[in-house]
């Protein structure tokens, strides 16, 4: 029983809350180290959305939400999202920048046979990997073209040759149990996915599962409040400052008769900051005076529960409607 003085109820609820209306080492990276079975260290991910149609508002970007949901479900932190045009130099710059921040990059879009599909070439340039005709991809395309499964494999068209020309470091990852599914293209620490939402959705779920860690999740609490977000700023800031090993989120609700704000609390696996549990950041000296202490599951949950008690006890009387986990 938590020492909660404010009137509220702690429940383990499956009820859905209303939605808010507001959401040069890489070149040598061994792709095999990304296997989820080899390490319990979480890997931070950057999502790179590529396409002029997104920037011009011609097509809605649904892939960001899908990717974020899939990664969260697999306990893989999404650290950064960027949207860039179909410009080779711009894509290269963003990949090089993201590489300094995250362990893994997932791209969306720009993988077709037309002139503006330059993602794969951009990835090769960013990684310093020359473009070659990939035998495995060429044979895959030929098999897909040979629908009757008989006779000699057909010659590739110029468009298909372009699709089979990949960075030399490329690997075809067969992540699906369905042998008829297309593989995922991986180049070092970059997973290259199609931009069409129906295809992207399926592939990003496979990649998220592939990257998932075996770490247990900490308990997550949602505190539902009857007061506006602006009125809790001093209280929340104080609790956040006093509990650096807990991740907080604050989200206002719009046009709901009771719910005005929800605050979420989730424990950090590694002492310090949001992505200190990323293998990318664990390789750097973020603060020489702070050791990278890893918490056990019971310690993580205790950190969250103590922070929860402080948060709830600091709220105005009657403002806490419910606490869900």
C-alpha atoms as a PDB file:
ATOM      1  CA  UNK A   1       0.000   0.000   0.000  1.00  0.00           C
ATOM      2  CA  UNK A   2       1.464   3.340  -1.043  1.00  0.00           C
ATOM      3  CA  UNK A   3       1.406   6.200   1.473  1.00  0.00           C
ATOM      4  CA  UNK A   4      -1.015   8.284  -0.564  1.00  0.00           C
ATOM      5  CA  UNK A   5      -2.785  11.035   1.339  1.00  0.00           C
ATOM      6  CA  UNK A   6      -4.732  12.528  -1.552  1.00  0.00           C
ATOM      7  CA  UNK A   7      -8.140  10.924  -2.178  1.00  0.00           C
ATOM      8  CA  UNK A   8      -7.704   8.566  -5.111  1.00  0.00           C
ATOM      9  CA  UNK A   9      -7.957   4.968  -6.163  1.00  0.00           C
ATOM     10  CA  UNK A  10      -5.104   2.797  -7.395  1.00  0.00           C
ATOM     11  CA  UNK A  11      -6.331   0.291  -9.913  1.00  0.00           C
ATOM     12  CA  UNK A  12      -4.815  -2.143 -12.377  1.00  0.00           C
ATOM     13  CA  UNK A  13      -7.000  -1.160 -15.274  1.00  0.00           C
ATOM     14  CA  UNK A  14      -7.323  -2.135 -18.895  1.00  0.00           C
ATOM     15  CA  UNK A  15      -9.752   0.726 -19.484  1.00  0.00           C
ATOM     16  CA  UNK A  16      -8.507   3.041 -22.177  1.00  0.00           C
ATOM     17  CA  UNK A  17      -7.895   6.636 -21.172  1.00  0.00           C
ATOM     18  CA  UNK A  18      -9.184   9.232 -23.639  1.00  0.00           C
ATOM     19  CA  UNK A  19      -6.578  10.225 -26.165  1.00  0.00           C
ATOM     20  CA  UNK A  20      -4.922  13.591 -26.033  1.00  0.00           C
ATOM     21  CA  UNK A  21      -5.250  15.928 -28.995  1.00  0.00           C
ATOM     22  CA  UNK A  22      -1.648  17.032 -28.660  1.00  0.00           C
ATOM     23  CA  UNK A  23       2.764  13.236 -30.499  1.00  0.00           C
ATOM     24  CA  UNK A  24      33.503   6.809 -38.398  1.00  0.00           C
ATOM     25  CA  UNK A  25      32.246   3.892 -35.885  1.00  0.00           C
ATOM     26  CA  UNK A  26      29.051   3.127 -37.684  1.00  0.00           C
ATOM     27  CA  UNK A  27      30.861   2.302 -40.899  1.00  0.00           C
ATOM     28  CA  UNK A  28      32.586  -0.532 -39.083  1.00  0.00           C
ATOM     29  CA  UNK A  29      29.567  -1.712 -37.086  1.00  0.00           C
ATOM     30  CA  UNK A  30      28.987  -5.450 -37.117  1.00  0.00           C
ATOM     31  CA  UNK A  31      25.347  -5.996 -37.955  1.00  0.00           C
ATOM     32  CA  UNK A  32      25.324  -9.254 -36.027  1.00  0.00           C
ATOM     33  CA  UNK A  33      25.715  -7.357 -32.749  1.00  0.00           C
ATOM     34  CA  UNK A  34      22.176  -6.080 -33.201  1.00  0.00           C
ATOM     35  CA  UNK A  35      20.699  -9.505 -32.606  1.00  0.00           C
ATOM     36  CA  UNK A  36      18.311  -9.345 -29.670  1.00  0.00           C
ATOM     37  CA  UNK A  37      19.709 -12.570 -28.261  1.00  0.00           C
ATOM     38  CA  UNK A  38      23.252 -11.285 -27.777  1.00  0.00           C
ATOM     39  CA  UNK A  39      22.778  -8.526 -25.234  1.00  0.00           C
ATOM     40  CA  UNK A  40      20.387  -7.161 -22.672  1.00  0.00           C
ATOM     41  CA  UNK A  41      21.321  -3.552 -23.450  1.00  0.00           C
ATOM     42  CA  UNK A  42      18.539  -1.482 -24.936  1.00  0.00           C
ATOM     43  CA  UNK A  43      19.261   0.121 -28.268  1.00  0.00           C
ATOM     44  CA  UNK A  44      18.023   3.625 -29.002  1.00  0.00           C
ATOM     45  CA  UNK A  45      16.468   4.137 -32.421  1.00  0.00           C
ATOM     46  CA  UNK A  46      16.230   7.076 -34.776  1.00  0.00           C
ATOM     47  CA  UNK A  47      13.447   7.151 -37.374  1.00  0.00           C
ATOM     48  CA  UNK A  48      14.158   8.895 -40.675  1.00  0.00           C
ATOM     49  CA  UNK A  49      11.060   9.646 -42.753  1.00  0.00           C
ATOM     50  CA  UNK A  50      12.003  10.400 -46.360  1.00  0.00           C
ATOM     51  CA  UNK A  51       9.768  11.971 -48.973  1.00  0.00           C
ATOM     52  CA  UNK A  52       8.840  15.296 -50.559  1.00  0.00           C
ATOM     53  CA  UNK A  53       5.204  14.212 -50.371  1.00  0.00           C
ATOM     54  CA  UNK A  54       5.351  14.299 -46.576  1.00  0.00           C
ATOM     55  CA  UNK A  55       6.951  17.748 -46.404  1.00  0.00           C
ATOM     56  CA  UNK A  56       4.455  19.155 -48.910  1.00  0.00           C
ATOM     57  CA  UNK A  57       1.465  17.784 -47.061  1.00  0.00           C
ATOM     58  CA  UNK A  58       0.413  15.590 -49.965  1.00  0.00           C
ATOM     59  CA  UNK A  59       0.574  12.420 -47.862  1.00  0.00           C
ATOM     60  CA  UNK A  60      -0.014  12.136 -44.104  1.00  0.00           C
ATOM     61  CA  UNK A  61       2.859  10.691 -42.083  1.00  0.00           C
ATOM     62  CA  UNK A  62       1.285   7.701 -40.350  1.00  0.00           C
ATOM     63  CA  UNK A  63       4.530   5.727 -40.229  1.00  0.00           C
ATOM     64  CA  UNK A  64       5.937   7.675 -37.283  1.00  0.00           C
ATOM     65  CA  UNK A  65       3.053   6.674 -35.039  1.00  0.00           C
ATOM     66  CA  UNK A  66       3.184   3.070 -36.212  1.00  0.00           C
ATOM     67  CA  UNK A  67       6.940   2.869 -35.603  1.00  0.00           C
ATOM     68  CA  UNK A  68       6.734   4.508 -32.194  1.00  0.00           C
ATOM     69  CA  UNK A  69       4.006   2.089 -31.114  1.00  0.00           C
ATOM     70  CA  UNK A  70       5.862  -0.975 -32.377  1.00  0.00           C
ATOM     71  CA  UNK A  71       9.133   0.059 -30.730  1.00  0.00           C
ATOM     72  CA  UNK A  72       7.453   0.919 -27.436  1.00  0.00           C
ATOM     73  CA  UNK A  73       5.674  -2.432 -27.404  1.00  0.00           C
ATOM     74  CA  UNK A  74       9.071  -4.130 -27.724  1.00  0.00           C
ATOM     75  CA  UNK A  75      10.828  -2.004 -25.100  1.00  0.00           C
ATOM     76  CA  UNK A  76      13.030  -0.248 -27.656  1.00  0.00           C
ATOM     77  CA  UNK A  77      13.397   3.524 -27.053  1.00  0.00           C
ATOM     78  CA  UNK A  78      12.668   5.803 -30.000  1.00  0.00           C
ATOM     79  CA  UNK A  79      15.043   8.731 -29.423  1.00  0.00           C
ATOM     80  CA  UNK A  80      14.618  10.882 -32.527  1.00  0.00           C
ATOM     81  CA  UNK A  81      12.401  11.366 -35.570  1.00  0.00           C
ATOM     82  CA  UNK A  82      13.374  13.428 -38.619  1.00  0.00           C
ATOM     83  CA  UNK A  83      11.629  14.147 -41.913  1.00  0.00           C
ATOM     84  CA  UNK A  84      13.725  14.996 -44.965  1.00  0.00           C
ATOM     85  CA  UNK A  85      13.159  15.469 -48.684  1.00  0.00           C
ATOM     86  CA  UNK A  86      14.154  13.115 -51.478  1.00  0.00           C
ATOM     87  CA  UNK A  87      17.564  14.748 -51.692  1.00  0.00           C
ATOM     88  CA  UNK A  88      20.685  12.603 -51.513  1.00  0.00           C
ATOM     89  CA  UNK A  89      22.885  15.170 -49.776  1.00  0.00           C
ATOM     90  CA  UNK A  90      20.208  15.960 -47.197  1.00  0.00           C
ATOM     91  CA  UNK A  91      19.598  12.298 -46.421  1.00  0.00           C
ATOM     92  CA  UNK A  92      23.339  11.680 -46.025  1.00  0.00           C
ATOM     93  CA  UNK A  93      23.689  14.626 -43.628  1.00  0.00           C
ATOM     94  CA  UNK A  94      20.800  13.440 -41.490  1.00  0.00           C
ATOM     95  CA  UNK A  95      22.087   9.868 -41.329  1.00  0.00           C
ATOM     96  CA  UNK A  96      25.520  11.098 -40.270  1.00  0.00           C
ATOM     97  CA  UNK A  97      23.935  13.280 -37.587  1.00  0.00           C
ATOM     98  CA  UNK A  98      21.608  10.548 -36.312  1.00  0.00           C
ATOM     99  CA  UNK A  99      24.510   8.121 -36.138  1.00  0.00           C
ATOM    100  CA  UNK A 100      26.060  10.298 -33.439  1.00  0.00           C
ATOM    101  CA  UNK A 101      22.884  10.106 -31.356  1.00  0.00           C
ATOM    102  CA  UNK A 102      21.393   6.641 -31.676  1.00  0.00           C
ATOM    103  CA  UNK A 103      22.378   3.002 -32.057  1.00  0.00           C
ATOM    104  CA  UNK A 104      20.021   2.072 -34.870  1.00  0.00           C
ATOM    105  CA  UNK A 105      18.385   4.019 -37.684  1.00  0.00           C
ATOM    106  CA  UNK A 106      15.175   2.985 -39.413  1.00  0.00           C
ATOM    107  CA  UNK A 107      14.343   4.715 -42.677  1.00  0.00           C
ATOM    108  CA  UNK A 108      10.963   4.998 -44.338  1.00  0.00           C
ATOM    109  CA  UNK A 109      10.471   5.759 -48.017  1.00  0.00           C
ATOM    110  CA  UNK A 110      12.497   6.353 -51.158  1.00  0.00           C
ATOM    111  CA  UNK A 111      13.225   2.720 -52.042  1.00  0.00           C
ATOM    112  CA  UNK A 112      11.432   2.338 -55.383  1.00  0.00           C
ATOM    113  CA  UNK A 113      12.833   2.256 -58.910  1.00  0.00           C
ATOM    114  CA  UNK A 114      12.078   5.860 -59.937  1.00  0.00           C
ATOM    115  CA  UNK A 115      14.470   8.810 -60.198  1.00  0.00           C
ATOM    116  CA  UNK A 116      13.523  10.300 -56.817  1.00  0.00           C
ATOM    117  CA  UNK A 117      14.054   7.073 -54.885  1.00  0.00           C
ATOM    118  CA  UNK A 118      17.556   7.769 -53.576  1.00  0.00           C
ATOM    119  CA  UNK A 119      17.440   6.381 -50.040  1.00  0.00           C
ATOM    120  CA  UNK A 120      19.558   3.285 -50.628  1.00  0.00           C
ATOM    121  CA  UNK A 121      22.211   5.213 -52.516  1.00  0.00           C
ATOM    122  CA  UNK A 122      22.242   7.809 -49.739  1.00  0.00           C
ATOM    123  CA  UNK A 123      22.730   5.143 -47.082  1.00  0.00           C
ATOM    124  CA  UNK A 124      25.660   3.708 -49.024  1.00  0.00           C
ATOM    125  CA  UNK A 125      27.286   7.113 -49.301  1.00  0.00           C
ATOM    126  CA  UNK A 126      26.748   7.893 -45.605  1.00  0.00           C
ATOM    127  CA  UNK A 127      28.317   4.559 -44.614  1.00  0.00           C
ATOM    128  CA  UNK A 128      31.154   4.780 -47.123  1.00  0.00           C
ATOM    129  CA  UNK A 129      29.978   1.540 -48.735  1.00  0.00           C
ATOM    130  CA  UNK A 130      30.181   1.330 -52.515  1.00  0.00           C
ATOM    131  CA  UNK A 131      27.140   0.376 -54.559  1.00  0.00           C
ATOM    132  CA  UNK A 132      27.262  -3.078 -56.196  1.00  0.00           C
ATOM    133  CA  UNK A 133      24.820  -5.443 -57.830  1.00  0.00           C
ATOM    134  CA  UNK A 134      23.713  -7.601 -54.929  1.00  0.00           C
ATOM    135  CA  UNK A 135      23.498 -11.195 -56.104  1.00  0.00           C
ATOM    136  CA  UNK A 136      20.991 -12.250 -53.467  1.00  0.00           C
ATOM    137  CA  UNK A 137      18.637  -9.403 -54.248  1.00  0.00           C
ATOM    138  CA  UNK A 138      18.989  -9.964 -57.994  1.00  0.00           C
ATOM    139  CA  UNK A 139      18.112 -13.634 -57.610  1.00  0.00           C
ATOM    140  CA  UNK A 140      15.179 -12.766 -55.372  1.00  0.00           C
ATOM    141  CA  UNK A 141      13.794 -10.373 -57.958  1.00  0.00           C
ATOM    142  CA  UNK A 142      14.221 -12.980 -60.661  1.00  0.00           C
ATOM    143  CA  UNK A 143      12.387 -15.591 -58.599  1.00  0.00           C
ATOM    144  CA  UNK A 144       9.562 -13.169 -57.909  1.00  0.00           C
ATOM    145  CA  UNK A 145       9.275 -12.500 -61.658  1.00  0.00           C
ATOM    146  CA  UNK A 146       9.265 -16.197 -62.534  1.00  0.00           C
ATOM    147  CA  UNK A 147       5.729 -16.778 -61.320  1.00  0.00           C
ATOM    148  CA  UNK A 148       5.285 -20.246 -62.840  1.00  0.00           C
ATOM    149  CA  UNK A 149       8.502 -21.494 -61.220  1.00  0.00           C
ATOM    150  CA  UNK A 150       9.626 -23.197 -64.409  1.00  0.00           C
ATOM    151  CA  UNK A 151      12.295 -22.544 -67.041  1.00  0.00           C
ATOM    152  CA  UNK A 152      15.172 -20.105 -66.922  1.00  0.00           C
ATOM    153  CA  UNK A 153      15.049 -17.092 -64.664  1.00  0.00           C
ATOM    154  CA  UNK A 154      14.069 -13.923 -66.580  1.00  0.00           C
ATOM    155  CA  UNK A 155      16.477 -11.094 -67.254  1.00  0.00           C
ATOM    156  CA  UNK A 156      16.213  -8.133 -64.914  1.00  0.00           C
ATOM    157  CA  UNK A 157      14.801  -4.895 -66.264  1.00  0.00           C
ATOM    158  CA  UNK A 158      16.750  -1.632 -65.819  1.00  0.00           C
ATOM    159  CA  UNK A 159      14.388  -0.679 -62.979  1.00  0.00           C
ATOM    160  CA  UNK A 160      14.997  -4.008 -61.244  1.00  0.00           C
ATOM    161  CA  UNK A 161      18.753  -3.705 -61.690  1.00  0.00           C
ATOM    162  CA  UNK A 162      18.496  -0.401 -59.844  1.00  0.00           C
ATOM    163  CA  UNK A 163      16.569  -2.102 -57.040  1.00  0.00           C
ATOM    164  CA  UNK A 164      19.199  -4.860 -56.838  1.00  0.00           C
ATOM    165  CA  UNK A 165      22.098  -2.393 -56.688  1.00  0.00           C
ATOM    166  CA  UNK A 166      22.808  -2.032 -53.005  1.00  0.00           C
ATOM    167  CA  UNK A 167      25.594  -0.887 -50.666  1.00  0.00           C
ATOM    168  CA  UNK A 168      28.296  -3.545 -50.386  1.00  0.00           C
ATOM    169  CA  UNK A 169      27.598  -3.905 -46.651  1.00  0.00           C
ATOM    170  CA  UNK A 170      23.960  -4.890 -47.268  1.00  0.00           C
ATOM    171  CA  UNK A 171      22.306  -7.904 -45.691  1.00  0.00           C
ATOM    172  CA  UNK A 172      18.872  -9.289 -46.464  1.00  0.00           C
ATOM    173  CA  UNK A 173      17.186 -10.056 -43.155  1.00  0.00           C
ATOM    174  CA  UNK A 174      14.434 -12.674 -43.319  1.00  0.00           C
ATOM    175  CA  UNK A 175      12.607 -11.715 -40.132  1.00  0.00           C
ATOM    176  CA  UNK A 176       9.201 -13.134 -40.972  1.00  0.00           C
ATOM    177  CA  UNK A 177       8.089 -16.730 -40.516  1.00  0.00           C
ATOM    178  CA  UNK A 178       6.348 -16.494 -43.903  1.00  0.00           C
ATOM    179  CA  UNK A 179       8.854 -17.658 -46.503  1.00  0.00           C
ATOM    180  CA  UNK A 180       7.053 -15.645 -49.182  1.00  0.00           C
ATOM    181  CA  UNK A 181       7.590 -12.330 -47.401  1.00  0.00           C
ATOM    182  CA  UNK A 182      10.182  -9.908 -48.689  1.00  0.00           C
ATOM    183  CA  UNK A 183      13.282  -9.584 -46.512  1.00  0.00           C
ATOM    184  CA  UNK A 184      14.260  -6.412 -44.690  1.00  0.00           C
ATOM    185  CA  UNK A 185      17.302  -4.615 -46.061  1.00  0.00           C
ATOM    186  CA  UNK A 186      19.926  -3.909 -43.392  1.00  0.00           C
ATOM    187  CA  UNK A 187      23.079  -1.877 -44.013  1.00  0.00           C
ATOM    188  CA  UNK A 188      25.275  -1.870 -40.928  1.00  0.00           C
ATOM    189  CA  UNK A 189      23.064  -0.313 -38.227  1.00  0.00           C
ATOM    190  CA  UNK A 190      20.455   1.012 -40.680  1.00  0.00           C
ATOM    191  CA  UNK A 191      17.226  -0.787 -41.558  1.00  0.00           C
ATOM    192  CA  UNK A 192      15.735   0.436 -44.843  1.00  0.00           C
ATOM    193  CA  UNK A 193      11.958   0.074 -45.045  1.00  0.00           C
ATOM    194  CA  UNK A 194       9.383   1.008 -47.707  1.00  0.00           C
ATOM    195  CA  UNK A 195       7.344   4.149 -47.180  1.00  0.00           C
ATOM    196  CA  UNK A 196       3.950   2.733 -48.192  1.00  0.00           C
ATOM    197  CA  UNK A 197       2.140   2.475 -44.833  1.00  0.00           C
ATOM    198  CA  UNK A 198       0.723  -1.001 -45.419  1.00  0.00           C
ATOM    199  CA  UNK A 199       4.209  -2.392 -46.120  1.00  0.00           C
ATOM    200  CA  UNK A 200       6.019  -0.236 -43.550  1.00  0.00           C
ATOM    201  CA  UNK A 201       3.725  -1.299 -40.741  1.00  0.00           C
ATOM    202  CA  UNK A 202       4.446  -4.988 -41.151  1.00  0.00           C
ATOM    203  CA  UNK A 203       8.194  -4.520 -41.576  1.00  0.00           C
ATOM    204  CA  UNK A 204       8.704  -2.158 -38.652  1.00  0.00           C
ATOM    205  CA  UNK A 205       6.976  -4.595 -36.316  1.00  0.00           C
ATOM    206  CA  UNK A 206       9.420  -7.282 -37.415  1.00  0.00           C
ATOM    207  CA  UNK A 207      12.401  -4.954 -36.929  1.00  0.00           C
ATOM    208  CA  UNK A 208      11.155  -3.832 -33.519  1.00  0.00           C
ATOM    209  CA  UNK A 209      10.820  -7.431 -32.423  1.00  0.00           C
ATOM    210  CA  UNK A 210      14.301  -8.179 -33.773  1.00  0.00           C
ATOM    211  CA  UNK A 211      15.757  -5.290 -31.778  1.00  0.00           C
ATOM    212  CA  UNK A 212      13.760  -5.991 -28.637  1.00  0.00           C
ATOM    213  CA  UNK A 213      15.581  -6.621 -25.404  1.00  0.00           C
ATOM    214  CA  UNK A 214      14.856  -9.261 -22.813  1.00  0.00           C
ATOM    215  CA  UNK A 215      14.773  -6.659 -20.059  1.00  0.00           C
ATOM    216  CA  UNK A 216      11.680  -6.654 -17.915  1.00  0.00           C
ATOM    217  CA  UNK A 217       9.608  -3.527 -18.180  1.00  0.00           C
ATOM    218  CA  UNK A 218       9.189  -1.407 -15.110  1.00  0.00           C
ATOM    219  CA  UNK A 219       5.717  -0.754 -13.826  1.00  0.00           C
ATOM    220  CA  UNK A 220       4.130   2.281 -15.484  1.00  0.00           C
ATOM    221  CA  UNK A 221       1.665   4.515 -13.661  1.00  0.00           C
ATOM    222  CA  UNK A 222      -0.802   7.016 -15.130  1.00  0.00           C
ATOM    223  CA  UNK A 223      -2.077   9.717 -12.798  1.00  0.00           C
ATOM    224  CA  UNK A 224      -5.328  11.258 -14.068  1.00  0.00           C
ATOM    225  CA  UNK A 225      -6.002  14.781 -12.824  1.00  0.00           C
ATOM    226  CA  UNK A 226      -8.980  17.113 -12.795  1.00  0.00           C
ATOM    227  CA  UNK A 227      -6.803  20.231 -13.067  1.00  0.00           C
ATOM    228  CA  UNK A 228      -5.098  21.855 -16.046  1.00  0.00           C
ATOM    229  CA  UNK A 229      -1.504  21.044 -16.907  1.00  0.00           C
ATOM    230  CA  UNK A 230      -0.387  24.649 -16.357  1.00  0.00           C
ATOM    231  CA  UNK A 231      -1.428  24.508 -12.696  1.00  0.00           C
ATOM    232  CA  UNK A 232       0.821  21.524 -11.874  1.00  0.00           C
ATOM    233  CA  UNK A 233       4.066  22.839 -13.385  1.00  0.00           C
ATOM    234  CA  UNK A 234       5.821  23.793 -10.088  1.00  0.00           C
ATOM    235  CA  UNK A 235       4.746  20.551  -8.398  1.00  0.00           C
ATOM    236  CA  UNK A 236       5.781  18.378 -11.329  1.00  0.00           C
ATOM    237  CA  UNK A 237       9.099  20.165 -11.806  1.00  0.00           C
ATOM    238  CA  UNK A 238       9.977  19.562  -8.161  1.00  0.00           C
ATOM    239  CA  UNK A 239       9.106  15.850  -8.329  1.00  0.00           C
ATOM    240  CA  UNK A 240      11.050  15.426 -11.581  1.00  0.00           C
ATOM    241  CA  UNK A 241      14.093  17.083 -10.001  1.00  0.00           C
ATOM    242  CA  UNK A 242      13.910  14.831  -6.946  1.00  0.00           C
ATOM    243  CA  UNK A 243      13.521  11.601  -8.920  1.00  0.00           C
ATOM    244  CA  UNK A 244      16.077  11.561 -11.780  1.00  0.00           C
ATOM    245  CA  UNK A 245      15.753   7.802 -12.206  1.00  0.00           C
ATOM    246  CA  UNK A 246      12.112   8.033 -13.226  1.00  0.00           C
ATOM    247  CA  UNK A 247      10.849   9.170 -16.627  1.00  0.00           C
ATOM    248  CA  UNK A 248       7.849  11.524 -16.454  1.00  0.00           C
ATOM    249  CA  UNK A 249       5.385  12.602 -19.133  1.00  0.00           C
ATOM    250  CA  UNK A 250       2.600  15.169 -18.912  1.00  0.00           C
ATOM    251  CA  UNK A 251      -0.261  15.317 -21.401  1.00  0.00           C
ATOM    252  CA  UNK A 252      -3.268  17.658 -21.426  1.00  0.00           C
ATOM    253  CA  UNK A 253      -6.729  16.481 -22.441  1.00  0.00           C
ATOM    254  CA  UNK A 254      -8.955  18.699 -24.534  1.00  0.00           C
ATOM    255  CA  UNK A 255     -12.761  18.832 -24.367  1.00  0.00           C
ATOM    256  CA  UNK A 256     -13.167  16.171 -21.712  1.00  0.00           C
ATOM    257  CA  UNK A 257     -15.646  16.905 -18.918  1.00  0.00           C
ATOM    258  CA  UNK A 258     -13.479  15.457 -16.115  1.00  0.00           C
ATOM    259  CA  UNK A 259      -9.985  14.599 -17.262  1.00  0.00           C
ATOM    260  CA  UNK A 260      -7.730  17.600 -17.740  1.00  0.00           C
ATOM    261  CA  UNK A 261      -4.211  16.169 -17.437  1.00  0.00           C
ATOM    262  CA  UNK A 262      -2.529  12.781 -17.240  1.00  0.00           C
ATOM    263  CA  UNK A 263       0.988  12.333 -15.844  1.00  0.00           C
ATOM    264  CA  UNK A 264       2.896   9.135 -16.627  1.00  0.00           C
ATOM    265  CA  UNK A 265       5.766   7.650 -14.617  1.00  0.00           C
ATOM    266  CA  UNK A 266       8.144   4.895 -15.744  1.00  0.00           C
ATOM    267  CA  UNK A 267      11.444   3.783 -14.207  1.00  0.00           C
ATOM    268  CA  UNK A 268      14.789   3.995 -15.925  1.00  0.00           C
ATOM    269  CA  UNK A 269      16.940   0.891 -16.256  1.00  0.00           C
ATOM    270  CA  UNK A 270      20.190   2.851 -15.966  1.00  0.00           C
ATOM    271  CA  UNK A 271      20.892   5.705 -13.601  1.00  0.00           C
ATOM    272  CA  UNK A 272      21.176   9.100 -15.227  1.00  0.00           C
ATOM    273  CA  UNK A 273      19.176  10.241 -18.226  1.00  0.00           C
ATOM    274  CA  UNK A 274      16.530   9.066 -20.610  1.00  0.00           C
ATOM    275  CA  UNK A 275      18.820   7.234 -22.990  1.00  0.00           C
ATOM    276  CA  UNK A 276      21.752   6.372 -20.762  1.00  0.00           C
ATOM    277  CA  UNK A 277      20.464   2.818 -21.152  1.00  0.00           C
ATOM    278  CA  UNK A 278      21.342   3.038 -24.832  1.00  0.00           C
ATOM    279  CA  UNK A 279      24.534   1.225 -25.811  1.00  0.00           C
ATOM    280  CA  UNK A 280      25.421   4.296 -27.886  1.00  0.00           C
ATOM    281  CA  UNK A 281      25.526   6.555 -24.844  1.00  0.00           C
ATOM    282  CA  UNK A 282      27.009   3.961 -22.539  1.00  0.00           C
ATOM    283  CA  UNK A 283      30.107   4.053 -24.766  1.00  0.00           C
ATOM    284  CA  UNK A 284      30.620   7.764 -24.016  1.00  0.00           C
ATOM    285  CA  UNK A 285      31.714   9.579 -20.865  1.00  0.00           C
ATOM    286  CA  UNK A 286      28.566  11.608 -20.289  1.00  0.00           C
ATOM    287  CA  UNK A 287      29.593  12.605 -16.789  1.00  0.00           C
ATOM    288  CA  UNK A 288      32.858  11.396 -15.291  1.00  0.00           C
ATOM    289  CA  UNK A 289      31.447  11.775 -11.788  1.00  0.00           C
ATOM    290  CA  UNK A 290      28.404   9.585 -12.414  1.00  0.00           C
ATOM    291  CA  UNK A 291      28.729   5.830 -12.646  1.00  0.00           C
ATOM    292  CA  UNK A 292      26.429   3.909 -14.954  1.00  0.00           C
ATOM    293  CA  UNK A 293      24.553   1.952 -12.329  1.00  0.00           C
ATOM    294  CA  UNK A 294      22.035  -0.544 -13.651  1.00  0.00           C
ATOM    295  CA  UNK A 295      18.967  -1.060 -11.489  1.00  0.00           C
ATOM    296  CA  UNK A 296      17.358  -4.401 -10.782  1.00  0.00           C
ATOM    297  CA  UNK A 297      13.661  -4.784 -11.592  1.00  0.00           C
ATOM    298  CA  UNK A 298      12.604  -4.374  -7.952  1.00  0.00           C
ATOM    299  CA  UNK A 299      14.737  -1.225  -7.636  1.00  0.00           C
ATOM    300  CA  UNK A 300      13.181   0.271 -10.768  1.00  0.00           C
ATOM    301  CA  UNK A 301       9.672  -0.379  -9.500  1.00  0.00           C
ATOM    302  CA  UNK A 302      10.517   1.038  -6.070  1.00  0.00           C
ATOM    303  CA  UNK A 303      11.905   4.217  -7.657  1.00  0.00           C
ATOM    304  CA  UNK A 304       8.647   4.659  -9.572  1.00  0.00           C
ATOM    305  CA  UNK A 305       6.417   4.021  -6.562  1.00  0.00           C
ATOM    306  CA  UNK A 306       8.294   6.489  -4.365  1.00  0.00           C
ATOM    307  CA  UNK A 307       8.080   9.133  -7.109  1.00  0.00           C
ATOM    308  CA  UNK A 308       4.366   8.356  -7.517  1.00  0.00           C
ATOM    309  CA  UNK A 309       3.722   8.887  -3.822  1.00  0.00           C
ATOM    310  CA  UNK A 310       5.560  12.224  -3.875  1.00  0.00           C
ATOM    311  CA  UNK A 311       3.634  13.345  -6.947  1.00  0.00           C
ATOM    312  CA  UNK A 312       0.198  12.394  -5.647  1.00  0.00           C
ATOM    313  CA  UNK A 313       0.834  13.768  -2.168  1.00  0.00           C
ATOM    314  CA  UNK A 314       1.909  17.083  -3.681  1.00  0.00           C
ATOM    315  CA  UNK A 315      -1.239  17.565  -5.738  1.00  0.00           C
ATOM    316  CA  UNK A 316      -4.095  19.812  -4.557  1.00  0.00           C
ATOM    317  CA  UNK A 317      -6.761  17.990  -2.583  1.00  0.00           C
ATOM    318  CA  UNK A 318      -9.341  16.292  -4.773  1.00  0.00           C
ATOM    319  CA  UNK A 319      -7.391  16.813  -8.001  1.00  0.00           C
ATOM    320  CA  UNK A 320      -6.273  13.183  -8.369  1.00  0.00           C
ATOM    321  CA  UNK A 321      -9.133  11.293 -10.022  1.00  0.00           C
ATOM    322  CA  UNK A 322      -7.420   7.950 -10.415  1.00  0.00           C
ATOM    323  CA  UNK A 323      -4.061   6.229 -10.629  1.00  0.00           C
ATOM    324  CA  UNK A 324      -3.798   3.428 -13.184  1.00  0.00           C
ATOM    325  CA  UNK A 325      -1.059   0.914 -13.860  1.00  0.00           C
END
